[in-house]
C-alpha atoms as a PDB file:
ATOM      1  CA  MET A   1     132.927  52.988 121.748  1.00  0.00           C
ATOM      2  CA  ALA A   2     133.106  54.392 118.243  1.00  0.00           C
ATOM      3  CA  THR A   3     129.606  53.088 117.597  1.00  0.00           C
ATOM      4  CA  LYS A   4     128.288  54.871 120.722  1.00  0.00           C
ATOM      5  CA  LYS A   5     129.939  58.176 119.671  1.00  0.00           C
ATOM      6  CA  LEU A   6     128.460  57.894 116.208  1.00  0.00           C
ATOM      7  CA  ALA A   7     125.008  57.211 117.652  1.00  0.00           C
ATOM      8  CA  LEU A   8     125.348  60.240 119.975  1.00  0.00           C
ATOM      9  CA  LYS A   9     126.352  62.481 117.064  1.00  0.00           C
ATOM     10  CA  LYS A  10     123.348  61.278 115.072  1.00  0.00           C
ATOM     11  CA  THR A  11     121.037  61.936 118.027  1.00  0.00           C
ATOM     12  CA  LEU A  12     122.407  65.477 118.504  1.00  0.00           C
ATOM     13  CA  ALA A  13     122.169  66.202 114.786  1.00  0.00           C
ATOM     14  CA  ALA A  14     118.587  64.942 114.651  1.00  0.00           C
ATOM     15  CA  GLY A  15     117.677  67.034 117.681  1.00  0.00           C
ATOM     16  CA  LEU A  16     119.215  70.159 116.156  1.00  0.00           C
ATOM     17  CA  ALA A  17     117.421  69.561 112.866  1.00  0.00           C
ATOM     18  CA  ALA A  18     114.115  69.064 114.645  1.00  0.00           C
ATOM     19  CA  THR A  19     114.631  72.312 116.560  1.00  0.00           C
ATOM     20  CA  MET A  20     115.399  74.198 113.345  1.00  0.00           C
ATOM     21  CA  VAL A  21     112.341  72.781 111.578  1.00  0.00           C
ATOM     22  CA  ALA A  22     110.133  73.616 114.525  1.00  0.00           C
ATOM     23  CA  GLY A  23     111.464  77.166 114.440  1.00  0.00           C
ATOM     24  CA  LEU A  24     110.699  77.489 110.760  1.00  0.00           C
ATOM     25  CA  LEU A  25     107.196  76.098 111.135  1.00  0.00           C
ATOM     26  CA  ALA A  26     106.241  78.136 114.193  1.00  0.00           C
ATOM     27  CA  PRO A  27     103.694  80.762 113.060  1.00  0.00           C
ATOM     28  CA  ALA A  28     104.463  83.186 115.862  1.00  0.00           C
ATOM     29  CA  SER A  29     107.933  84.679 116.042  1.00  0.00           C
ATOM     30  CA  ALA A  30     109.806  85.958 119.064  1.00  0.00           C
ATOM     31  CA  GLU A  31     108.426  89.388 118.115  1.00  0.00           C
ATOM     32  CA  ILE A  32     104.831  88.298 118.806  1.00  0.00           C
ATOM     33  CA  SER A  33     103.610  88.270 122.405  1.00  0.00           C
ATOM     34  CA  LYS A  34     100.473  86.691 123.835  1.00  0.00           C
ATOM     35  CA  ARG A  35      97.825  89.429 123.845  1.00  0.00           C
ATOM     36  CA  THR A  36      94.126  90.021 124.466  1.00  0.00           C
ATOM     37  CA  ILE A  37      92.656  92.879 122.437  1.00  0.00           C
ATOM     38  CA  ARG A  38      89.267  94.437 123.215  1.00  0.00           C
ATOM     39  CA  VAL A  39      87.362  96.048 120.351  1.00  0.00           C
ATOM     40  CA  SER A  40      84.300  98.201 121.009  1.00  0.00           C
ATOM     41  CA  ASN A  41      81.412  98.745 118.578  1.00  0.00           C
ATOM     42  CA  GLY A  42      78.429 101.053 118.924  1.00  0.00           C
ATOM     43  CA  VAL A  43      76.380  98.798 116.625  1.00  0.00           C
ATOM     44  CA  ALA A  44      74.878  95.356 117.234  1.00  0.00           C
ATOM     45  CA  GLU A  45      76.726  92.156 116.321  1.00  0.00           C
ATOM     46  CA  ASP A  46      74.383  91.459 113.391  1.00  0.00           C
ATOM     47  CA  HIS A  47      75.641  94.651 111.705  1.00  0.00           C
ATOM     48  CA  PRO A  48      78.228  94.122 108.896  1.00  0.00           C
ATOM     49  CA  ASN A  49      80.861  95.133 111.447  1.00  0.00           C
ATOM     50  CA  GLY A  50      80.290  91.696 112.963  1.00  0.00           C
ATOM     51  CA  GLU A  51      81.531  90.094 109.741  1.00  0.00           C
ATOM     52  CA  GLY A  52      84.522  92.413 109.680  1.00  0.00           C
ATOM     53  CA  VAL A  53      85.463  91.723 113.296  1.00  0.00           C
ATOM     54  CA  ARG A  54      85.212  87.960 112.772  1.00  0.00           C
ATOM     55  CA  ALA A  55      87.460  88.205 109.703  1.00  0.00           C
ATOM     56  CA  MET A  56      89.937  90.299 111.683  1.00  0.00           C
ATOM     57  CA  ALA A  57      89.938  87.765 114.536  1.00  0.00           C
ATOM     58  CA  GLN A  58      90.603  84.914 112.108  1.00  0.00           C
ATOM     59  CA  CYS A  59      93.457  86.885 110.565  1.00  0.00           C
ATOM     60  CA  PHE A  60      94.963  87.517 114.013  1.00  0.00           C
ATOM     61  CA  ASP A  61      94.729  83.810 114.799  1.00  0.00           C
ATOM     62  CA  GLU A  62      96.489  82.825 111.572  1.00  0.00           C
ATOM     63  CA  LYS A  63      99.230  85.438 111.727  1.00  0.00           C
ATOM     64  CA  THR A  64     100.046  85.001 115.427  1.00  0.00           C
ATOM     65  CA  GLY A  65      99.605  81.247 115.701  1.00  0.00           C
ATOM     66  CA  GLY A  66      96.776  81.754 118.184  1.00  0.00           C
ATOM     67  CA  GLU A  67      98.746  84.092 120.432  1.00  0.00           C
ATOM     68  CA  TRP A  68      96.177  86.901 120.108  1.00  0.00           C
ATOM     69  CA  THR A  69      92.599  86.861 121.340  1.00  0.00           C
ATOM     70  CA  LEU A  70      90.135  89.465 120.021  1.00  0.00           C
ATOM     71  CA  ASN A  71      87.258  90.171 122.411  1.00  0.00           C
ATOM     72  CA  ALA A  72      84.426  92.111 120.752  1.00  0.00           C
ATOM     73  CA  PHE A  73      81.906  94.243 122.649  1.00  0.00           C
ATOM     74  CA  TRP A  74      78.701  95.355 120.902  1.00  0.00           C
ATOM     75  CA  SER A  75      75.910  97.920 121.195  1.00  0.00           C
ATOM     76  CA  SER A  76      78.056 100.422 123.140  1.00  0.00           C
ATOM     77  CA  ALA A  77      78.705  97.917 125.953  1.00  0.00           C
ATOM     78  CA  LEU A  78      81.988  99.747 126.687  1.00  0.00           C
ATOM     79  CA  GLY A  79      80.468 103.187 126.162  1.00  0.00           C
ATOM     80  CA  ASP A  80      79.416 105.074 123.038  1.00  0.00           C
ATOM     81  CA  ASP A  81      81.855 105.728 120.206  1.00  0.00           C
ATOM     82  CA  LEU A  82      83.209 108.923 121.727  1.00  0.00           C
ATOM     83  CA  GLN A  83      83.644 107.392 125.185  1.00  0.00           C
ATOM     84  CA  ALA A  84      85.375 104.340 123.731  1.00  0.00           C
ATOM     85  CA  THR A  85      87.677 106.541 121.648  1.00  0.00           C
ATOM     86  CA  GLN A  86      88.614 108.527 124.742  1.00  0.00           C
ATOM     87  CA  ALA A  87      89.442 105.230 126.482  1.00  0.00           C
ATOM     88  CA  LEU A  88      91.870 104.496 123.632  1.00  0.00           C
ATOM     89  CA  ARG A  89      93.460 107.901 124.049  1.00  0.00           C
ATOM     90  CA  SER A  90      94.026 107.262 127.745  1.00  0.00           C
ATOM     91  CA  GLY A  91      95.480 103.819 127.018  1.00  0.00           C
ATOM     92  CA  THR A  92      92.809 101.876 128.938  1.00  0.00           C
ATOM     93  CA  GLN A  93      91.319 100.139 125.868  1.00  0.00           C
ATOM     94  CA  GLU A  94      92.915  98.796 122.707  1.00  0.00           C
ATOM     95  CA  MET A  95      90.541  99.234 119.758  1.00  0.00           C
ATOM     96  CA  VAL A  96      87.234 100.756 118.627  1.00  0.00           C
ATOM     97  CA  VAL A  97      85.305 100.684 115.344  1.00  0.00           C
ATOM     98  CA  THR A  98      83.669 104.107 115.252  1.00  0.00           C
ATOM     99  CA  SER A  99      82.011 106.360 112.727  1.00  0.00           C
ATOM    100  CA  SER A 100      84.171 109.397 111.996  1.00  0.00           C
ATOM    101  CA  SER A 101      81.343 111.800 112.879  1.00  0.00           C
ATOM    102  CA  PRO A 102      81.241 111.485 116.703  1.00  0.00           C
ATOM    103  CA  ILE A 103      84.954 112.209 117.051  1.00  0.00           C
ATOM    104  CA  VAL A 104      85.335 115.409 115.026  1.00  0.00           C
ATOM    105  CA  GLY A 105      85.843 117.224 118.339  1.00  0.00           C
ATOM    106  CA  ILE A 106      89.070 115.231 118.759  1.00  0.00           C
ATOM    107  CA  VAL A 107      90.317 115.555 115.158  1.00  0.00           C
ATOM    108  CA  PRO A 108      88.416 118.430 113.438  1.00  0.00           C
ATOM    109  CA  ALA A 109      89.653 117.427 109.955  1.00  0.00           C
ATOM    110  CA  LEU A 110      87.345 114.384 110.157  1.00  0.00           C
ATOM    111  CA  GLY A 111      84.491 116.833 109.620  1.00  0.00           C
ATOM    112  CA  VAL A 112      85.334 116.733 105.919  1.00  0.00           C
ATOM    113  CA  PHE A 113      83.501 113.390 105.705  1.00  0.00           C
ATOM    114  CA  ASP A 114      80.334 115.029 107.070  1.00  0.00           C
ATOM    115  CA  LEU A 115      80.095 117.579 104.270  1.00  0.00           C
ATOM    116  CA  PRO A 116      76.889 117.101 102.267  1.00  0.00           C
ATOM    117  CA  PHE A 117      76.873 115.250  98.934  1.00  0.00           C
ATOM    118  CA  LEU A 118      80.639 114.727  98.983  1.00  0.00           C
ATOM    119  CA  PHE A 119      80.782 111.331  97.254  1.00  0.00           C
ATOM    120  CA  ALA A 120      78.682 110.269  94.276  1.00  0.00           C
ATOM    121  CA  ASN A 121      79.018 106.527  94.897  1.00  0.00           C
ATOM    122  CA  GLU A 122      80.856 103.801  96.838  1.00  0.00           C
ATOM    123  CA  LYS A 123      83.593 103.518  94.202  1.00  0.00           C
ATOM    124  CA  GLU A 124      84.569 107.152  94.763  1.00  0.00           C
ATOM    125  CA  ALA A 125      84.506 106.694  98.529  1.00  0.00           C
ATOM    126  CA  ASP A 126      86.772 103.625  98.347  1.00  0.00           C
ATOM    127  CA  ALA A 127      89.259 105.408  96.083  1.00  0.00           C
ATOM    128  CA  VAL A 128      89.487 108.389  98.456  1.00  0.00           C
ATOM    129  CA  LEU A 129      89.650 106.428 101.700  1.00  0.00           C
ATOM    130  CA  ASP A 130      92.087 103.746 100.529  1.00  0.00           C
ATOM    131  CA  GLY A 131      94.296 106.214  98.702  1.00  0.00           C
ATOM    132  CA  GLU A 132      96.506 109.185  99.428  1.00  0.00           C
ATOM    133  CA  PHE A 133      93.761 111.294 101.029  1.00  0.00           C
ATOM    134  CA  GLY A 134      92.804 108.540 103.455  1.00  0.00           C
ATOM    135  CA  GLN A 135      96.438 108.235 104.507  1.00  0.00           C
ATOM    136  CA  TYR A 136      96.640 112.018 104.867  1.00  0.00           C
ATOM    137  CA  ILE A 137      93.836 111.878 107.436  1.00  0.00           C
ATOM    138  CA  SER A 138      95.302 108.781 109.124  1.00  0.00           C
ATOM    139  CA  ASP A 139      98.600 110.632 109.549  1.00  0.00           C
ATOM    140  CA  MET A 140      96.773 113.196 111.722  1.00  0.00           C
ATOM    141  CA  MET A 141      95.503 110.628 114.212  1.00  0.00           C
ATOM    142  CA  PRO A 142      98.696 109.917 116.246  1.00  0.00           C
ATOM    143  CA  ALA A 143      98.701 113.548 117.460  1.00  0.00           C
ATOM    144  CA  ALA A 144      95.433 112.631 119.237  1.00  0.00           C
ATOM    145  CA  ASN A 145      97.052 109.437 120.614  1.00  0.00           C
ATOM    146  CA  LEU A 146      95.173 107.306 118.093  1.00  0.00           C
ATOM    147  CA  VAL A 147      96.205 105.074 115.179  1.00  0.00           C
ATOM    148  CA  ASN A 148      93.808 104.478 112.281  1.00  0.00           C
ATOM    149  CA  LEU A 149      94.253 100.927 111.002  1.00  0.00           C
ATOM    150  CA  ALA A 150      91.668 100.994 108.179  1.00  0.00           C
ATOM    151  CA  TYR A 151      88.468 102.596 106.923  1.00  0.00           C
ATOM    152  CA  TRP A 152      85.361 100.403 106.975  1.00  0.00           C
ATOM    153  CA  GLU A 153      81.942 101.246 105.546  1.00  0.00           C
ATOM    154  CA  ASN A 154      79.073 102.963 107.306  1.00  0.00           C
ATOM    155  CA  GLY A 155      77.302 103.764 104.047  1.00  0.00           C
ATOM    156  CA  PHE A 156      75.276 106.515 102.448  1.00  0.00           C
ATOM    157  CA  ARG A 157      72.723 108.159 104.710  1.00  0.00           C
ATOM    158  CA  ASN A 158      69.075 108.621 103.740  1.00  0.00           C
ATOM    159  CA  LEU A 159      66.124 110.429 105.299  1.00  0.00           C
ATOM    160  CA  THR A 160      63.090 108.779 106.888  1.00  0.00           C
ATOM    161  CA  ASN A 161      60.111 110.649 108.330  1.00  0.00           C
ATOM    162  CA  SER A 162      56.409 110.415 109.107  1.00  0.00           C
ATOM    163  CA  ALA A 163      55.298 113.785 107.699  1.00  0.00           C
ATOM    164  CA  ARG A 164      55.560 113.442 103.887  1.00  0.00           C
ATOM    165  CA  PRO A 165      57.736 112.042 101.100  1.00  0.00           C
ATOM    166  CA  VAL A 166      60.660 114.330 100.281  1.00  0.00           C
ATOM    167  CA  THR A 167      60.658 114.845  96.524  1.00  0.00           C
ATOM    168  CA  LYS A 168      61.894 118.452  96.346  1.00  0.00           C
ATOM    169  CA  LEU A 169      63.762 121.050  98.410  1.00  0.00           C
ATOM    170  CA  GLU A 170      60.589 122.597  99.803  1.00  0.00           C
ATOM    171  CA  ASP A 171      59.527 119.283 101.372  1.00  0.00           C
ATOM    172  CA  PHE A 172      62.224 119.623 104.032  1.00  0.00           C
ATOM    173  CA  SER A 173      60.662 122.831 105.361  1.00  0.00           C
ATOM    174  CA  GLY A 174      59.635 122.707 109.023  1.00  0.00           C
ATOM    175  CA  MET A 175      60.277 118.986 109.408  1.00  0.00           C
ATOM    176  CA  ARG A 176      61.666 118.021 112.831  1.00  0.00           C
ATOM    177  CA  VAL A 177      64.677 115.821 112.018  1.00  0.00           C
ATOM    178  CA  ARG A 178      67.062 114.194 114.456  1.00  0.00           C
ATOM    179  CA  VAL A 179      70.698 114.694 113.480  1.00  0.00           C
ATOM    180  CA  MET A 180      73.948 113.584 115.081  1.00  0.00           C
ATOM    181  CA  GLN A 181      75.465 115.882 117.674  1.00  0.00           C
ATOM    182  CA  ASN A 182      77.681 117.348 115.003  1.00  0.00           C
ATOM    183  CA  ASN A 183      77.887 120.937 113.726  1.00  0.00           C
ATOM    184  CA  VAL A 184      78.102 120.080 110.020  1.00  0.00           C
ATOM    185  CA  PHE A 185      75.014 117.841 110.081  1.00  0.00           C
ATOM    186  CA  LEU A 186      73.135 120.414 112.158  1.00  0.00           C
ATOM    187  CA  ASP A 187      73.974 123.198 109.703  1.00  0.00           C
ATOM    188  CA  THR A 188      73.176 121.030 106.656  1.00  0.00           C
ATOM    189  CA  PHE A 189      69.668 120.199 107.830  1.00  0.00           C
ATOM    190  CA  GLN A 190      68.952 123.707 109.107  1.00  0.00           C
ATOM    191  CA  THR A 191      70.032 125.029 105.710  1.00  0.00           C
ATOM    192  CA  LEU A 192      67.608 122.627 104.026  1.00  0.00           C
ATOM    193  CA  GLY A 193      64.844 124.180 106.103  1.00  0.00           C
ATOM    194  CA  THR A 194      64.263 121.526 108.758  1.00  0.00           C
ATOM    195  CA  ASN A 195      64.008 121.993 112.493  1.00  0.00           C
ATOM    196  CA  ALA A 196      67.213 119.989 113.058  1.00  0.00           C
ATOM    197  CA  THR A 197      67.424 118.384 116.507  1.00  0.00           C
ATOM    198  CA  PRO A 198      70.728 116.987 117.828  1.00  0.00           C
ATOM    199  CA  MET A 199      70.046 113.806 119.805  1.00  0.00           C
ATOM    200  CA  ALA A 200      71.919 110.736 121.047  1.00  0.00           C
ATOM    201  CA  PHE A 201      71.200 107.691 118.896  1.00  0.00           C
ATOM    202  CA  GLY A 202      69.775 105.685 121.778  1.00  0.00           C
ATOM    203  CA  GLU A 203      66.937 108.208 122.185  1.00  0.00           C
ATOM    204  CA  VAL A 204      65.830 108.297 118.554  1.00  0.00           C
ATOM    205  CA  PHE A 205      63.346 105.411 118.402  1.00  0.00           C
ATOM    206  CA  SER A 206      61.268 106.628 121.363  1.00  0.00           C
ATOM    207  CA  ALA A 207      61.366 110.231 120.065  1.00  0.00           C
ATOM    208  CA  LEU A 208      59.998 109.034 116.713  1.00  0.00           C
ATOM    209  CA  GLU A 209      57.430 106.834 118.436  1.00  0.00           C
ATOM    210  CA  THR A 210      56.076 109.671 120.593  1.00  0.00           C
ATOM    211  CA  GLY A 211      56.148 112.187 117.745  1.00  0.00           C
ATOM    212  CA  ALA A 212      58.708 114.420 119.461  1.00  0.00           C
ATOM    213  CA  ILE A 213      60.499 114.409 116.097  1.00  0.00           C
ATOM    214  CA  ASP A 214      59.261 113.645 112.574  1.00  0.00           C
ATOM    215  CA  GLY A 215      62.297 111.960 111.105  1.00  0.00           C
ATOM    216  CA  GLN A 216      65.921 110.881 111.212  1.00  0.00           C
ATOM    217  CA  GLU A 217      68.707 110.070 108.744  1.00  0.00           C
ATOM    218  CA  ASN A 218      70.865 106.932 108.578  1.00  0.00           C
ATOM    219  CA  PRO A 219      72.078 104.225 106.176  1.00  0.00           C
ATOM    220  CA  TYR A 220      69.587 101.526 105.132  1.00  0.00           C
ATOM    221  CA  VAL A 221      71.190  98.917 107.379  1.00  0.00           C
ATOM    222  CA  THR A 222      70.764 101.093 110.474  1.00  0.00           C
ATOM    223  CA  ILE A 223      67.173 101.959 109.515  1.00  0.00           C
ATOM    224  CA  ASP A 224      66.489  98.238 109.208  1.00  0.00           C
ATOM    225  CA  THR A 225      68.317  96.913 112.282  1.00  0.00           C
ATOM    226  CA  SER A 226      66.925  99.741 114.446  1.00  0.00           C
ATOM    227  CA  LYS A 227      63.380  98.921 113.235  1.00  0.00           C
ATOM    228  CA  PHE A 228      62.676 102.558 112.412  1.00  0.00           C
ATOM    229  CA  TYR A 229      60.103 101.268 109.904  1.00  0.00           C
ATOM    230  CA  GLU A 230      57.864 100.623 112.922  1.00  0.00           C
ATOM    231  CA  VAL A 231      57.699 104.365 113.700  1.00  0.00           C
ATOM    232  CA  GLN A 232      58.230 105.960 110.250  1.00  0.00           C
ATOM    233  CA  LYS A 233      56.179 106.180 107.030  1.00  0.00           C
ATOM    234  CA  TYR A 234      58.534 107.457 104.319  1.00  0.00           C
ATOM    235  CA  LEU A 235      62.096 106.811 103.190  1.00  0.00           C
ATOM    236  CA  SER A 236      63.551 109.276 100.672  1.00  0.00           C
ATOM    237  CA  ASN A 237      66.794 108.357  98.896  1.00  0.00           C
ATOM    238  CA  THR A 238      68.725 111.539  99.628  1.00  0.00           C
ATOM    239  CA  ARG A 239      72.202 109.922  99.902  1.00  0.00           C
ATOM    240  CA  HIS A 240      73.243 113.196 101.498  1.00  0.00           C
ATOM    241  CA  ALA A 241      76.357 111.961 103.316  1.00  0.00           C
ATOM    242  CA  TYR A 242      78.806 109.068 103.432  1.00  0.00           C
ATOM    243  CA  THR A 243      80.581 108.813 106.760  1.00  0.00           C
ATOM    244  CA  PRO A 244      83.109 105.976 107.086  1.00  0.00           C
ATOM    245  CA  PHE A 245      83.846 103.776 110.060  1.00  0.00           C
ATOM    246  CA  MET A 246      87.421 103.973 111.316  1.00  0.00           C
ATOM    247  CA  VAL A 247      89.214 101.087 113.025  1.00  0.00           C
ATOM    248  CA  LEU A 248      91.139 102.974 115.668  1.00  0.00           C
ATOM    249  CA  PHE A 249      93.840 101.669 118.005  1.00  0.00           C
ATOM    250  CA  SER A 250      95.322 103.248 121.120  1.00  0.00           C
ATOM    251  CA  LYS A 251      98.699 104.776 120.250  1.00  0.00           C
ATOM    252  CA  THR A 252      99.852 104.273 123.848  1.00  0.00           C
ATOM    253  CA  ILE A 253      99.313 100.523 123.442  1.00  0.00           C
ATOM    254  CA  TRP A 254     100.459 100.511 119.789  1.00  0.00           C
ATOM    255  CA  ASP A 255     103.844 101.831 120.920  1.00  0.00           C
ATOM    256  CA  GLN A 256     104.229  98.764 123.161  1.00  0.00           C
ATOM    257  CA  TYR A 257     103.892  96.415 120.155  1.00  0.00           C
ATOM    258  CA  SER A 258     106.789  95.264 117.986  1.00  0.00           C
ATOM    259  CA  GLU A 259     106.932  96.392 114.353  1.00  0.00           C
ATOM    260  CA  GLU A 260     105.830  92.909 113.304  1.00  0.00           C
ATOM    261  CA  GLU A 261     102.817  93.105 115.614  1.00  0.00           C
ATOM    262  CA  GLN A 262     101.921  96.587 114.364  1.00  0.00           C
ATOM    263  CA  GLN A 263     101.964  95.296 110.796  1.00  0.00           C
ATOM    264  CA  ILE A 264      99.663  92.424 111.775  1.00  0.00           C
ATOM    265  CA  LEU A 265      97.185  94.939 113.230  1.00  0.00           C
ATOM    266  CA  VAL A 266      97.128  96.886 109.948  1.00  0.00           C
ATOM    267  CA  ASP A 267      97.005  93.819 107.700  1.00  0.00           C
ATOM    268  CA  CYS A 268      94.149  92.238 109.648  1.00  0.00           C
ATOM    269  CA  ALA A 269      92.134  95.471 109.857  1.00  0.00           C
ATOM    270  CA  VAL A 270      92.407  95.685 106.050  1.00  0.00           C
ATOM    271  CA  ALA A 271      91.376  92.018 105.721  1.00  0.00           C
ATOM    272  CA  GLY A 272      88.380  92.830 107.920  1.00  0.00           C
ATOM    273  CA  ARG A 273      87.654  95.928 105.802  1.00  0.00           C
ATOM    274  CA  ASP A 274      87.265  93.919 102.606  1.00  0.00           C
ATOM    275  CA  VAL A 275      84.868  91.454 104.243  1.00  0.00           C
ATOM    276  CA  GLN A 276      82.947  94.203 106.066  1.00  0.00           C
ATOM    277  CA  ARG A 277      82.441  96.335 102.946  1.00  0.00           C
ATOM    278  CA  GLU A 278      81.195  93.377 100.923  1.00  0.00           C
ATOM    279  CA  ALA A 279      78.805  92.424 103.729  1.00  0.00           C
ATOM    280  CA  SER A 280      77.678  96.038 104.122  1.00  0.00           C
ATOM    281  CA  ARG A 281      76.805  96.463 100.453  1.00  0.00           C
ATOM    282  CA  LYS A 282      74.992  93.145 100.262  1.00  0.00           C
ATOM    283  CA  LEU A 283      73.069  93.810 103.464  1.00  0.00           C
ATOM    284  CA  SER A 284      72.277  97.371 102.374  1.00  0.00           C
ATOM    285  CA  GLU A 285      70.299  96.043  99.389  1.00  0.00           C
ATOM    286  CA  GLU A 286      68.597  93.447 101.579  1.00  0.00           C
ATOM    287  CA  SER A 287      67.764  96.049 104.226  1.00  0.00           C
ATOM    288  CA  LEU A 288      66.167  98.373 101.675  1.00  0.00           C
ATOM    289  CA  ALA A 289      63.974  95.516 100.449  1.00  0.00           C
ATOM    290  CA  ARG A 290      63.057  94.572 104.028  1.00  0.00           C
ATOM    291  CA  VAL A 291      62.037  98.063 105.169  1.00  0.00           C
ATOM    292  CA  GLU A 292      59.994  98.531 101.999  1.00  0.00           C
ATOM    293  CA  GLU A 293      58.273  95.204 102.608  1.00  0.00           C
ATOM    294  CA  ALA A 294      57.656  96.282 106.223  1.00  0.00           C
ATOM    295  CA  GLY A 295      55.669  99.273 104.969  1.00  0.00           C
ATOM    296  CA  LEU A 296      58.034 102.193 104.412  1.00  0.00           C
ATOM    297  CA  GLU A 297      57.171 104.129 101.249  1.00  0.00           C
ATOM    298  CA  VAL A 298      60.449 104.565  99.372  1.00  0.00           C
ATOM    299  CA  ASN A 299      61.020 107.306  96.807  1.00  0.00           C
ATOM    300  CA  ASP A 300      63.852 108.658  94.677  1.00  0.00           C
ATOM    301  CA  ILE A 301      64.349 112.361  93.957  1.00  0.00           C
ATOM    302  CA  ASP A 302      64.632 113.378  90.311  1.00  0.00           C
ATOM    303  CA  THR A 303      67.887 114.813  89.031  1.00  0.00           C
ATOM    304  CA  ALA A 304      66.716 118.423  88.604  1.00  0.00           C
ATOM    305  CA  GLU A 305      65.331 118.602  92.152  1.00  0.00           C
ATOM    306  CA  MET A 306      68.445 116.932  93.555  1.00  0.00           C
ATOM    307  CA  GLU A 307      70.599 119.586  91.887  1.00  0.00           C
ATOM    308  CA  LYS A 308      68.566 122.282  93.674  1.00  0.00           C
ATOM    309  CA  ILE A 309      69.126 120.498  96.990  1.00  0.00           C
ATOM    310  CA  HIS A 310      72.864 120.264  96.287  1.00  0.00           C
ATOM    311  CA  GLU A 311      73.037 123.973  95.481  1.00  0.00           C
ATOM    312  CA  ALA A 312      71.131 124.901  98.630  1.00  0.00           C
ATOM    313  CA  VAL A 313      73.794 123.406 100.921  1.00  0.00           C
ATOM    314  CA  GLN A 314      76.946 124.652  99.190  1.00  0.00           C
ATOM    315  CA  GLY A 315      77.318 127.344 101.866  1.00  0.00           C
ATOM    316  CA  VAL A 316      77.907 124.590 104.440  1.00  0.00           C
ATOM    317  CA  TYR A 317      81.345 123.985 102.895  1.00  0.00           C
ATOM    318  CA  GLU A 318      82.357 127.627 103.324  1.00  0.00           C
ATOM    319  CA  ARG A 319      80.913 128.034 106.822  1.00  0.00           C
ATOM    320  CA  HIS A 320      82.818 125.034 108.177  1.00  0.00           C
ATOM    321  CA  ALA A 321      86.066 125.453 106.264  1.00  0.00           C
ATOM    322  CA  GLU A 322      87.824 127.105 109.176  1.00  0.00           C
ATOM    323  CA  GLU A 323      86.974 124.421 111.740  1.00  0.00           C
ATOM    324  CA  ILE A 324      87.693 121.505 109.369  1.00  0.00           C
ATOM    325  CA  GLY A 325      90.705 123.162 107.776  1.00  0.00           C
ATOM    326  CA  PRO A 326      90.542 124.907 104.367  1.00  0.00           C
ATOM    327  CA  GLU A 327      93.507 122.858 103.168  1.00  0.00           C
ATOM    328  CA  VAL A 328      91.701 119.614 104.088  1.00  0.00           C
ATOM    329  CA  ILE A 329      88.624 120.539 102.048  1.00  0.00           C
ATOM    330  CA  GLU A 330      90.765 121.726  99.122  1.00  0.00           C
ATOM    331  CA  LYS A 331      92.760 118.484  99.155  1.00  0.00           C
ATOM    332  CA  MET A 332      89.554 116.434  99.229  1.00  0.00           C
ATOM    333  CA  GLN A 333      88.058 118.378  96.320  1.00  0.00           C
ATOM    334  CA  ALA A 334      91.281 118.055  94.305  1.00  0.00           C
ATOM    335  CA  THR A 335      91.362 114.316  94.993  1.00  0.00           C
ATOM    336  CA  LEU A 336      87.761 113.902  93.846  1.00  0.00           C
ATOM    337  CA  ALA A 337      88.400 115.979  90.718  1.00  0.00           C
ATOM    338  CA  GLU A 338      91.309 113.697  89.843  1.00  0.00           C
ATOM    339  CA  ILE A 339      89.257 110.543  90.424  1.00  0.00           C
ATOM    340  CA  ARG A 340      86.446 111.935  88.265  1.00  0.00           C
ATOM    341  CA  GLY A 341      88.838 113.020  85.536  1.00  0.00           C
ATOM    342  CA  GLU A 342      87.769 116.649  85.811  1.00  0.00           C
END
């Protein structure tokens, strides 16, 4: 009898130990629920965002023990960036990776990123976005029922056209240039002397092909993946704007997640950011080489002429201060001055 009792005690102890070990090894805690998350992208899957989304999905898998599934939709399959962002606000979709520019109507302070010649290089942009100023903007998003998880890279924008190389301020004059449906971009290009034409991105290729417009402006990767080199002759390195991507999440849905789950969302969006930025910068160089090889004539603008172009658009800052928020622009300029050691 004593032997049987001892055997039973050993069995119970072994079972309890096994349960405790299993609990320690389980990657997903009681705070993590099984979830399917949809993320919308306006770009195609071969864009660097594809690398970022895959890294984010892998991070989710590791941190939740496979409890989360990330379903990605590409090329505006769930609507354009603005439509997808509105779906987040209404709580009918979880996540979108969107450029900041299309959603300035929702959060006007985002217009600060559209101001011309704001950043000198990627290092400055990273320091601003990943630092105190980036958090300052992120803190505004919940009021619009949105949560910003991380800033990814869209890249510096450059001008292509079929009229002439842009080597000086006067070369912009009279050129018909498609711009985003955004007041700051419209004002910038009108100020430079172009006939700026707001147009949805999906219409740009055919408008260039038919000659309805002369040019457009986008990062190298977009110029390449959109095959604008087939309907354009010149690419001028204007680097006139750097507009980030934002990884936005629905606050309505965010509020249904545990604190542990919320932290996983942030951590994995940041993991995706690092992969996406690296891919973006590598592909940007490759894209420039590809479009040049495809026949686009690429030119730089000398320093003296670029300074004249910069001076010409300074009024854009003043004219849009009220809609963006004077304090937002001042904080951005102070942040940049600190980074530059001015």
